[in-house]
């Protein structure tokens, strides 16, 4: 055999490998686990996340799974979801450009490079036709793929920037989301696979921190859901020198996220818990539960007030009422507060000490004058000081342990909770009025009070004055029988 012939044969072999990567795919252990899609009890999942470090091969893992379902060519080792027919599928990402450059490239080959076409996860000889995406150079909107049955599967490329409306209406068998989607988009993806009892899966590095999507899979897995993780240590192609080089170039707060696939600390939702876990039916508050309200003063941004009841036996708090109104005077807010019970003590923040330019009186004094049972001094944490984080941590721990409940009809409260988030560790101070008032109330439950009843006699009847009564911290009398 001549050298020229040998080179030609090697070239042909390489071409076959490059245009039929599906047959040559050998998954890492974490990729194989993800493809199996089994939960901790060995049951097949319908929703799964591969939350992985950068450069671990997560996107190609997602593209390979898509190629297997589209073609029906499942390898012998496959233990995951199977379809015995052609399918319709969506492959998606955050922007149209990223879908083209990342998702499409992993599925079909480098966009715009005719020599590279067919060198992605989907074998070249199984790509029947493509349809261009309007307005996006070298991007495809639809691809027709030959299925093992002899019929055709359809793959549609979509982006989150199209908006949730563009994800409505159609039913598909498989949805792959590369990069974390916004909650409304994820909800539409689940809806799209509901009719077909299909599969929704995501592959991403958790750059947005503890979002609602991430928190749901990390803290509150539902049936048919599973979270898979992968760090640099589970990607054999990364050597130690490469890891050290990348790590040294990263900011310290990003290192765990980039190298281990762990959400960025200090970013994302402040309360990453499932709303259903803290929702409570509306019920009559028992008379023996002390109550307190708290106010967050405002004008351009709303004045907000929250009422909580405290179940001392279970050490649980219940947010049972909420009020939010902007551009109104203290007398208007005071009437709204009094209508919930004039006797309920009201916690208030330090800015209530600011003096009104007209009267020269502190703002809190105006509310006291209008009949609000304002606490004697401004809010402080039980351990002293006005720091925000202790209150947020107390609330989060109560939520996670089932000791913080909110009446289900308080829609505005839940709206604020959904948007209450951090960026780079800092609270975003927008539409947080009810959240602030809730924090003041929860951290002031030591001042919560029962409704004052008719005063009891100084001594129990027949006691011969031996057992005087005592006034407790909740505004009611305790008497000892003789």
Protein backbone atom coordinates (compact mmCIF):
# COMPACT_ATOMS: atom_id res chain seq x y z
CA UNK A 1 0.00 0.00 0.00
CA UNK A 2 1.37 3.39 -0.98
CA UNK A 3 1.73 6.22 1.50
CA UNK A 4 -0.77 8.23 -0.51
CA UNK A 5 -3.34 5.43 -0.27
CA UNK A 6 -2.76 5.05 3.48
CA UNK A 7 -3.24 8.78 4.01
CA UNK A 8 -6.46 8.62 1.97
CA UNK A 9 -7.82 5.73 4.04
CA UNK A 10 -6.98 7.49 7.31
CA UNK A 11 -8.66 10.63 6.01
CA UNK A 12 -11.80 8.66 5.13
CA UNK A 13 -11.86 7.01 8.56
CA UNK A 14 -11.55 10.39 10.25
CA UNK A 15 -14.33 11.78 8.07
CA UNK A 16 -16.60 8.89 9.05
CA UNK A 17 -15.84 9.47 12.74
CA UNK A 18 -16.34 13.22 12.52
CA UNK A 19 -19.66 12.95 10.65
CA UNK A 20 -21.00 10.12 12.77
CA UNK A 21 -20.04 11.06 16.32
CA UNK A 22 -23.15 9.32 17.58
CA UNK A 23 -21.55 5.90 17.03
CA UNK A 24 -18.29 6.90 18.70
CA UNK A 25 -19.67 8.62 21.79
CA UNK A 26 -18.28 7.23 25.02
CA UNK A 27 -19.86 9.10 27.93
CA UNK A 28 -18.13 9.94 31.16
CA UNK A 29 -19.68 8.41 34.28
CA UNK A 30 -21.64 11.58 35.10
CA UNK A 31 -22.92 11.82 31.52
CA UNK A 32 -24.08 8.21 31.59
CA UNK A 33 -25.91 8.83 34.88
CA UNK A 34 -27.59 11.89 33.38
CA UNK A 35 -28.68 9.95 30.28
CA UNK A 36 -30.16 7.21 32.45
CA UNK A 37 -32.33 9.86 34.10
CA UNK A 38 -33.03 7.73 37.16
CA UNK A 39 -33.97 9.25 40.49
CA UNK A 40 -32.67 8.06 43.86
CA UNK A 41 -35.23 5.26 43.88
CA UNK A 42 -34.36 4.08 40.38
CA UNK A 43 -37.48 5.54 38.75
CA UNK A 44 -37.37 7.19 35.31
CA UNK A 45 -37.59 10.99 35.44
CA UNK A 46 -39.47 13.36 33.14
CA UNK A 47 -37.61 16.49 34.21
CA UNK A 48 -33.87 16.58 34.84
CA UNK A 49 -31.04 19.08 35.19
CA UNK A 50 -27.34 18.61 34.52
CA UNK A 51 -25.92 21.42 36.65
CA UNK A 52 -22.23 21.27 35.86
CA UNK A 53 -18.98 23.18 35.96
CA UNK A 54 -17.67 24.97 32.89
CA UNK A 55 -15.81 22.95 30.24
CA UNK A 56 -17.03 19.57 31.47
CA UNK A 57 -18.84 18.60 28.25
CA UNK A 58 -22.35 19.27 29.50
CA UNK A 59 -23.60 20.87 26.26
CA UNK A 60 -22.40 18.03 24.05
CA UNK A 61 -23.97 15.65 26.56
CA UNK A 62 -27.27 17.46 25.98
CA UNK A 63 -26.77 17.44 22.20
CA UNK A 64 -26.00 13.71 22.19
CA UNK A 65 -29.18 12.92 24.12
CA UNK A 66 -31.15 14.97 21.64
CA UNK A 67 -29.52 13.14 18.70
CA UNK A 68 -30.37 9.73 20.19
CA UNK A 69 -34.05 10.61 20.62
CA UNK A 70 -34.33 12.19 17.17
CA UNK A 71 -32.77 9.23 15.35
CA UNK A 72 -34.04 6.42 17.58
CA UNK A 73 -30.52 4.94 17.52
CA UNK A 74 -30.15 4.10 21.22
CA UNK A 75 -26.79 2.51 22.16
CA UNK A 76 -26.66 -0.84 23.95
CA UNK A 77 -25.77 0.77 27.26
CA UNK A 78 -28.74 3.20 27.17
CA UNK A 79 -30.98 3.02 30.26
CA UNK A 80 -32.80 6.32 29.87
CA UNK A 81 -36.06 7.42 28.30
CA UNK A 82 -36.83 5.81 24.92
CA UNK A 83 -39.19 6.77 22.12
CA UNK A 84 -40.23 4.04 19.68
CA UNK A 85 -41.31 6.53 17.02
CA UNK A 86 -40.15 9.76 15.36
CA UNK A 87 -40.38 12.77 17.64
CA UNK A 88 -40.79 16.54 17.63
CA UNK A 89 -38.26 18.37 19.77
CA UNK A 90 -37.08 21.81 20.80
CA UNK A 91 -33.42 22.69 21.40
CA UNK A 92 -33.02 26.08 23.00
CA UNK A 93 -30.82 28.67 24.69
CA UNK A 94 -30.95 32.21 26.02
CA UNK A 95 -30.44 34.17 22.77
CA UNK A 96 -30.80 33.37 19.08
CA UNK A 97 -27.09 34.01 18.54
CA UNK A 98 -26.12 31.64 21.36
CA UNK A 99 -28.53 28.99 20.11
CA UNK A 100 -26.79 29.15 16.72
CA UNK A 101 -23.22 29.30 18.06
CA UNK A 102 -23.59 26.72 20.82
CA UNK A 103 -26.68 24.51 20.57
CA UNK A 104 -26.88 24.33 16.78
CA UNK A 105 -23.10 23.94 16.54
CA UNK A 106 -23.11 20.96 18.91
CA UNK A 107 -25.96 19.33 17.01
CA UNK A 108 -24.95 20.02 13.39
CA UNK A 109 -21.44 21.48 13.24
CA UNK A 110 -19.91 24.95 13.02
CA UNK A 111 -22.49 27.42 11.61
CA UNK A 112 -21.60 28.80 8.20
CA UNK A 113 -18.80 26.27 7.61
CA UNK A 114 -19.97 23.94 4.83
CA UNK A 115 -17.06 21.55 5.42
CA UNK A 116 -18.01 21.26 9.10
CA UNK A 117 -21.70 20.64 8.49
CA UNK A 118 -22.74 17.26 9.89
CA UNK A 119 -19.87 17.09 12.37
CA UNK A 120 -22.07 17.57 15.41
CA UNK A 121 -23.97 15.03 17.48
CA UNK A 122 -26.50 14.27 14.71
CA UNK A 123 -24.94 12.07 11.98
CA UNK A 124 -24.55 13.86 8.65
CA UNK A 125 -26.17 11.08 6.63
CA UNK A 126 -29.33 11.32 8.77
CA UNK A 127 -29.87 15.06 8.21
CA UNK A 128 -32.57 15.21 5.54
CA UNK A 129 -33.09 18.97 5.25
CA UNK A 130 -32.70 22.29 7.04
CA UNK A 131 -34.71 25.52 7.07
CA UNK A 132 -33.01 28.85 7.61
CA UNK A 133 -34.03 31.10 10.52
CA UNK A 134 -35.11 34.50 9.15
CA UNK A 135 -32.88 37.42 10.07
CA UNK A 136 -30.15 35.34 11.75
CA UNK A 137 -27.14 34.58 9.53
CA UNK A 138 -26.16 30.89 9.35
CA UNK A 139 -28.90 29.89 11.78
CA UNK A 140 -31.51 27.20 11.26
CA UNK A 141 -35.06 27.21 12.57
CA UNK A 142 -35.99 23.62 11.70
CA UNK A 143 -34.12 20.43 10.85
CA UNK A 144 -35.60 17.20 9.49
CA UNK A 145 -33.81 14.06 10.71
CA UNK A 146 -34.18 10.49 9.50
CA UNK A 147 -35.50 8.17 12.20
CA UNK A 148 -34.57 4.50 12.47
CA UNK A 149 -38.19 3.64 11.60
CA UNK A 150 -37.72 5.17 8.16
CA UNK A 151 -39.86 8.19 9.01
CA UNK A 152 -38.66 11.64 10.05
CA UNK A 153 -38.17 13.51 13.33
CA UNK A 154 -38.32 17.30 13.54
CA UNK A 155 -35.98 19.52 15.53
CA UNK A 156 -36.87 23.18 16.16
CA UNK A 157 -34.35 25.72 17.50
CA UNK A 158 -35.81 28.28 19.92
CA UNK A 159 -34.52 31.03 22.22
CA UNK A 160 -35.71 32.46 25.54
CA UNK A 161 -35.51 36.00 24.16
CA UNK A 162 -38.47 35.19 21.89
CA UNK A 163 -40.64 35.40 25.01
CA UNK A 164 -43.03 32.93 26.61
CA UNK A 165 -45.77 33.59 24.02
CA UNK A 166 -43.64 31.99 21.30
CA UNK A 167 -43.42 28.85 23.42
CA UNK A 168 -47.16 28.43 23.73
CA UNK A 169 -49.58 26.23 21.85
CA UNK A 170 -47.57 23.31 20.49
CA UNK A 171 -46.96 19.90 22.00
CA UNK A 172 -43.52 18.29 21.62
CA UNK A 173 -41.87 15.13 22.88
CA UNK A 174 -38.51 16.48 24.06
CA UNK A 175 -37.30 19.92 25.17
CA UNK A 176 -33.61 20.59 25.74
CA UNK A 177 -32.68 23.89 27.39
CA UNK A 178 -28.99 24.78 27.33
CA UNK A 179 -28.50 27.60 29.84
CA UNK A 180 -30.98 28.15 32.63
CA UNK A 181 -34.38 29.43 31.46
CA UNK A 182 -36.57 32.05 33.14
CA UNK A 183 -39.39 30.47 35.14
CA UNK A 184 -42.14 31.43 32.61
CA UNK A 185 -40.19 29.79 29.76
CA UNK A 186 -39.56 26.67 31.84
CA UNK A 187 -43.26 26.48 32.67
CA UNK A 188 -44.12 26.60 28.96
CA UNK A 189 -41.55 23.86 28.24
CA UNK A 190 -43.23 21.63 30.81
CA UNK A 191 -46.62 22.38 29.32
CA UNK A 192 -45.34 21.49 25.84
CA UNK A 193 -44.29 18.00 26.96
CA UNK A 194 -47.30 17.40 29.21
CA UNK A 195 -49.63 16.12 26.46
CA UNK A 196 -47.01 13.72 25.09
CA UNK A 197 -45.75 12.59 28.51
CA UNK A 198 -42.41 13.72 27.14
CA UNK A 199 -39.01 14.72 28.51
CA UNK A 200 -37.68 18.14 29.56
CA UNK A 201 -34.00 18.48 30.41
CA UNK A 202 -31.57 21.31 31.07
CA UNK A 203 -27.79 21.64 30.91
CA UNK A 204 -26.17 24.70 32.47
CA UNK A 205 -23.69 26.21 34.90
CA UNK A 206 -25.68 28.00 37.65
CA UNK A 207 -24.40 31.53 36.97
CA UNK A 208 -27.61 33.21 38.17
CA UNK A 209 -27.27 31.81 41.66
CA UNK A 210 -30.10 30.34 43.68
CA UNK A 211 -32.98 31.01 41.32
CA UNK A 212 -36.44 29.49 41.67
CA UNK A 213 -35.67 26.84 39.04
CA UNK A 214 -32.41 25.84 40.74
CA UNK A 215 -33.88 25.98 44.23
CA UNK A 216 -36.77 23.76 43.22
CA UNK A 217 -34.43 20.99 42.11
CA UNK A 218 -31.95 21.46 44.98
CA UNK A 219 -34.37 21.82 47.88
CA UNK A 220 -37.76 20.52 46.83
CA UNK A 221 -37.59 17.74 44.23
CA UNK A 222 -40.98 16.68 42.94
CA UNK A 223 -41.81 13.18 41.64
CA UNK A 224 -40.22 12.51 38.22
CA UNK A 225 -37.54 15.17 38.80
CA UNK A 226 -33.81 14.71 39.32
CA UNK A 227 -30.72 16.90 39.65
CA UNK A 228 -27.32 15.73 38.37
CA UNK A 229 -24.06 17.51 39.18
CA UNK A 230 -20.62 17.44 37.57
CA UNK A 231 -17.41 19.15 38.69
CA UNK A 232 -14.03 19.45 36.99
CA UNK A 233 -12.95 16.30 38.82
CA UNK A 234 -15.51 14.32 36.81
CA UNK A 235 -14.20 15.52 33.43
CA UNK A 236 -11.05 13.44 32.59
CA UNK A 237 -10.09 15.69 29.66
CA UNK A 238 -9.23 18.52 32.07
CA UNK A 239 -5.70 18.19 33.49
CA UNK A 240 -4.58 19.79 36.74
CA UNK A 241 -2.55 22.47 35.00
CA UNK A 242 -5.56 23.61 33.00
CA UNK A 243 -7.75 23.64 36.11
CA UNK A 244 -5.23 25.72 38.06
CA UNK A 245 -4.81 28.15 35.18
CA UNK A 246 -8.56 28.75 34.85
CA UNK A 247 -9.12 28.92 38.60
CA UNK A 248 -6.40 31.54 39.06
CA UNK A 249 -8.11 33.82 36.54
CA UNK A 250 -11.52 33.64 38.25
CA UNK A 251 -12.85 35.95 41.00
CA UNK A 252 -12.97 34.05 44.33
CA UNK A 253 -16.78 34.16 44.58
CA UNK A 254 -17.13 32.43 41.18
CA UNK A 255 -14.68 29.58 41.70
CA UNK A 256 -17.09 27.02 43.19
CA UNK A 257 -19.68 27.82 40.55
CA UNK A 258 -17.23 27.52 37.63
CA UNK A 259 -15.33 24.47 38.92
CA UNK A 260 -18.01 22.55 40.80
CA UNK A 261 -21.34 23.63 39.33
CA UNK A 262 -22.46 25.11 42.65
CA UNK A 263 -24.75 28.19 42.50
CA UNK A 264 -23.02 31.51 43.13
CA UNK A 265 -23.36 32.41 46.78
CA UNK A 266 -24.97 35.77 47.35
CA UNK A 267 -26.77 35.91 44.02
CA UNK A 268 -30.29 34.97 43.03
CA UNK A 269 -33.44 34.78 45.11
CA UNK A 270 -33.35 35.80 48.77
CA UNK A 271 -35.96 33.16 49.60
CA UNK A 272 -35.37 30.21 47.24
CA UNK A 273 -38.22 28.07 48.51
CA UNK A 274 -41.26 26.59 46.83
CA UNK A 275 -44.23 28.91 47.36
CA UNK A 276 -46.52 25.95 47.95
CA UNK A 277 -44.39 24.95 50.94
CA UNK A 278 -45.13 28.23 52.75
CA UNK A 279 -48.70 28.78 51.53
CA UNK A 280 -51.42 28.36 54.11
CA UNK A 281 -55.16 28.12 53.83
CA UNK A 282 -56.96 31.13 55.29
CA UNK A 283 -58.31 30.35 58.74
CA UNK A 284 -59.50 32.12 61.87
CA UNK A 285 -56.48 33.09 63.97
CA UNK A 286 -56.84 31.52 67.44
CA UNK A 287 -57.35 34.05 70.24
CA UNK A 288 -54.37 32.68 72.16
CA UNK A 289 -51.91 33.45 69.35
CA UNK A 290 -50.17 36.82 69.95
CA UNK A 291 -50.11 39.23 67.03
CA UNK A 292 -47.94 42.07 65.82
CA UNK A 293 -47.79 44.23 62.74
CA UNK A 294 -44.89 46.16 61.23
CA UNK A 295 -44.72 49.13 58.90
CA UNK A 296 -42.22 50.19 56.24
CA UNK A 297 -42.63 53.92 55.61
CA UNK A 298 -42.77 55.30 52.09
CA UNK A 299 -44.15 57.91 49.75
CA UNK A 300 -42.86 57.50 46.18
CA UNK A 301 -42.31 53.86 46.95
CA UNK A 302 -45.26 52.38 48.84
CA UNK A 303 -45.89 52.40 52.54
CA UNK A 304 -46.33 48.75 53.47
CA UNK A 305 -47.64 46.98 56.51
CA UNK A 306 -47.71 43.26 57.37
CA UNK A 307 -49.57 41.46 60.16
CA UNK A 308 -48.33 38.21 61.66
CA UNK A 309 -49.66 35.83 64.30
CA UNK A 310 -47.34 33.73 66.43
CA UNK A 311 -48.04 30.10 67.28
CA UNK A 312 -45.89 29.82 70.40
CA UNK A 313 -46.40 26.07 70.77
CA UNK A 314 -44.85 25.38 67.35
CA UNK A 315 -42.62 28.49 67.22
CA UNK A 316 -44.28 29.30 63.89
CA UNK A 317 -45.28 32.64 62.39
CA UNK A 318 -48.22 33.23 60.06
CA UNK A 319 -48.40 36.24 57.75
CA UNK A 320 -52.17 36.70 57.64
CA UNK A 321 -52.65 40.20 56.22
CA UNK A 322 -50.74 42.78 54.17
CA UNK A 323 -51.26 46.36 53.02
CA UNK A 324 -49.32 48.41 50.46
CA UNK A 325 -50.17 51.91 49.20
CA UNK A 326 -48.09 54.77 47.78
CA UNK A 327 -48.51 58.55 47.74
CA UNK A 328 -50.86 58.74 50.73
CA UNK A 329 -50.64 60.58 54.04
CA UNK A 330 -50.18 58.94 57.46
CA UNK A 331 -53.84 59.46 58.33
CA UNK A 332 -54.91 57.30 55.35
CA UNK A 333 -52.46 54.55 56.24
CA UNK A 334 -53.42 54.80 59.92
CA UNK A 335 -57.09 54.14 59.16
CA UNK A 336 -56.13 51.05 57.15
CA UNK A 337 -53.96 49.80 60.00
CA UNK A 338 -56.58 50.46 62.69
CA UNK A 339 -59.20 48.58 60.69
CA UNK A 340 -57.15 45.40 61.29
CA UNK A 341 -57.20 45.94 65.06
CA UNK A 342 -56.22 49.07 66.97
CA UNK A 343 -54.83 46.98 69.83
CA UNK A 344 -52.16 45.23 67.72
CA UNK A 345 -48.66 46.63 68.45
CA UNK A 346 -46.83 48.03 65.45
CA UNK A 347 -43.05 47.76 64.88
CA UNK A 348 -41.46 50.55 62.87
CA UNK A 349 -38.01 51.27 61.38
CA UNK A 350 -35.46 53.91 62.30
CA UNK A 351 -36.61 56.35 59.59
CA UNK A 352 -39.75 56.84 61.68
CA UNK A 353 -37.55 59.12 63.82
CA UNK A 354 -37.24 61.60 60.95
CA UNK A 355 -39.04 64.85 61.68
CA UNK A 356 -41.82 66.14 59.46
CA UNK A 357 -40.89 69.52 57.95
CA UNK A 358 -44.34 70.95 58.60
CA UNK A 359 -45.01 69.94 62.20
CA UNK A 360 -41.47 69.15 63.33
CA UNK A 361 -42.70 65.88 64.84
CA UNK A 362 -41.19 62.44 64.12
CA UNK A 363 -43.08 60.42 61.51
CA UNK A 364 -43.81 57.65 64.01
CA UNK A 365 -45.44 60.20 66.30
CA UNK A 366 -47.98 61.08 63.60
CA UNK A 367 -49.09 57.46 63.46
CA UNK A 368 -49.26 57.28 67.26
CA UNK A 369 -51.38 60.44 67.25
CA UNK A 370 -53.77 58.83 64.76
CA UNK A 371 -54.35 55.91 67.13
CA UNK A 372 -51.77 53.33 66.04
CA UNK A 373 -50.28 51.25 68.86
CA UNK A 374 -46.68 52.05 67.86
CA UNK A 375 -43.93 50.36 69.86
CA UNK A 376 -42.05 52.65 72.20
CA UNK A 377 -38.88 52.77 70.10
CA UNK A 378 -37.77 51.98 66.57
CA UNK A 379 -37.00 48.47 65.35
CA UNK A 380 -33.95 46.58 66.56
CA UNK A 381 -33.02 42.92 66.19
CA UNK A 382 -33.32 40.78 69.34
CA UNK A 383 -29.52 40.80 69.64
CA UNK A 384 -29.40 44.54 69.02
CA UNK A 385 -28.70 46.63 65.92
CA UNK A 386 -30.65 46.99 62.71
CA UNK A 387 -28.69 44.67 60.40
CA UNK A 388 -30.79 43.15 57.63
CA UNK A 389 -29.12 39.75 57.21
CA UNK A 390 -30.04 38.25 60.62
CA UNK A 391 -33.71 38.84 59.86
CA UNK A 392 -33.51 37.39 56.37
CA UNK A 393 -31.69 34.34 57.66
CA UNK A 394 -34.27 33.83 60.41
CA UNK A 395 -37.09 34.05 57.86
CA UNK A 396 -35.38 31.66 55.43
CA UNK A 397 -34.67 29.09 58.15
CA UNK A 398 -38.29 29.29 59.29
CA UNK A 399 -39.49 28.82 55.69
CA UNK A 400 -37.24 25.81 55.13
CA UNK A 401 -38.29 24.18 58.40
CA UNK A 402 -42.02 24.75 57.90
CA UNK A 403 -42.30 27.41 60.62
CA UNK A 404 -43.19 30.32 58.33
CA UNK A 405 -46.56 30.38 56.59
CA UNK A 406 -48.38 32.95 54.48
CA UNK A 407 -52.12 33.06 53.83
CA UNK A 408 -52.71 32.03 50.22
CA UNK A 409 -54.83 35.10 49.38
CA UNK A 410 -51.94 37.56 49.90
CA UNK A 411 -51.06 37.87 46.22
CA UNK A 412 -49.03 41.07 46.55
CA UNK A 413 -46.87 39.49 49.22
CA UNK A 414 -46.05 36.53 46.99
CA UNK A 415 -45.37 38.86 44.05
CA UNK A 416 -42.70 40.66 46.07
CA UNK A 417 -41.20 37.42 47.34
CA UNK A 418 -40.77 36.15 43.75
CA UNK A 419 -38.80 39.28 42.80
CA UNK A 420 -36.78 39.70 46.01
CA UNK A 421 -33.21 38.96 44.93
CA UNK A 422 -29.53 39.80 45.17
CA UNK A 423 -26.92 40.76 42.60
CA UNK A 424 -23.30 40.17 43.54
CA UNK A 425 -24.34 39.65 47.14
CA UNK A 426 -26.26 42.91 47.44
CA UNK A 427 -30.00 43.15 47.97
CA UNK A 428 -31.84 44.79 45.10
CA UNK A 429 -33.89 47.50 46.83
CA UNK A 430 -36.83 47.54 44.45
CA UNK A 431 -40.41 46.54 45.33
CA UNK A 432 -39.26 45.14 48.65
CA UNK A 433 -41.64 47.06 50.91
CA UNK A 434 -43.71 44.11 52.13
CA UNK A 435 -40.55 42.03 52.55
CA UNK A 436 -39.02 44.72 54.78
CA UNK A 437 -42.18 45.02 56.85
CA UNK A 438 -42.29 41.24 57.24
CA UNK A 439 -38.72 41.18 58.48
CA UNK A 440 -39.47 43.86 61.09
CA UNK A 441 -42.52 41.91 62.26
CA UNK A 442 -40.82 38.51 62.46
CA UNK A 443 -37.85 39.90 64.36
CA UNK A 444 -40.21 41.73 66.74
CA UNK A 445 -42.40 38.79 67.80
CA UNK A 446 -41.09 39.27 71.35
CA UNK A 447 -43.45 42.27 71.45
CA UNK A 448 -46.44 40.43 70.00
CA UNK A 449 -49.58 40.78 72.10
CA UNK A 450 -52.92 39.16 72.75
CA UNK A 451 -56.06 41.27 72.49
CA UNK A 452 -56.59 42.83 75.88
CA UNK A 453 -59.69 41.46 77.60
CA UNK A 454 -61.69 42.87 80.50
CA UNK A 455 -59.31 43.20 83.49
CA UNK A 456 -59.51 40.31 85.91
CA UNK A 457 -59.84 40.84 89.67
CA UNK A 458 -56.60 41.36 91.50
CA UNK A 459 -56.94 38.05 93.33
CA UNK A 460 -58.64 34.81 92.53
CA UNK A 461 -61.86 34.20 94.45
CA UNK A 462 -61.24 32.27 97.66
CA UNK A 463 -57.49 32.74 97.49
CA UNK A 464 -57.31 34.76 100.70
CA UNK A 465 -55.01 37.09 98.76
CA UNK A 466 -52.26 34.49 98.86
CA UNK A 467 -51.76 34.24 95.07
CA UNK A 468 -51.62 37.57 93.27
CA UNK A 469 -51.94 37.71 89.50
CA UNK A 470 -49.07 38.54 87.18
CA UNK A 471 -49.17 40.49 83.90
CA UNK A 472 -47.42 38.48 81.18
CA UNK A 473 -45.48 39.69 78.15
CA UNK A 474 -48.48 39.29 75.88
CA UNK A 475 -50.79 41.74 77.62
CA UNK A 476 -52.99 39.17 79.42
CA UNK A 477 -53.24 38.21 83.06
CA UNK A 478 -52.09 34.95 84.59
CA UNK A 479 -53.82 33.94 87.84
CA UNK A 480 -53.08 31.12 90.21
CA UNK A 481 -55.96 29.23 91.80
CA UNK A 482 -55.94 28.61 95.53
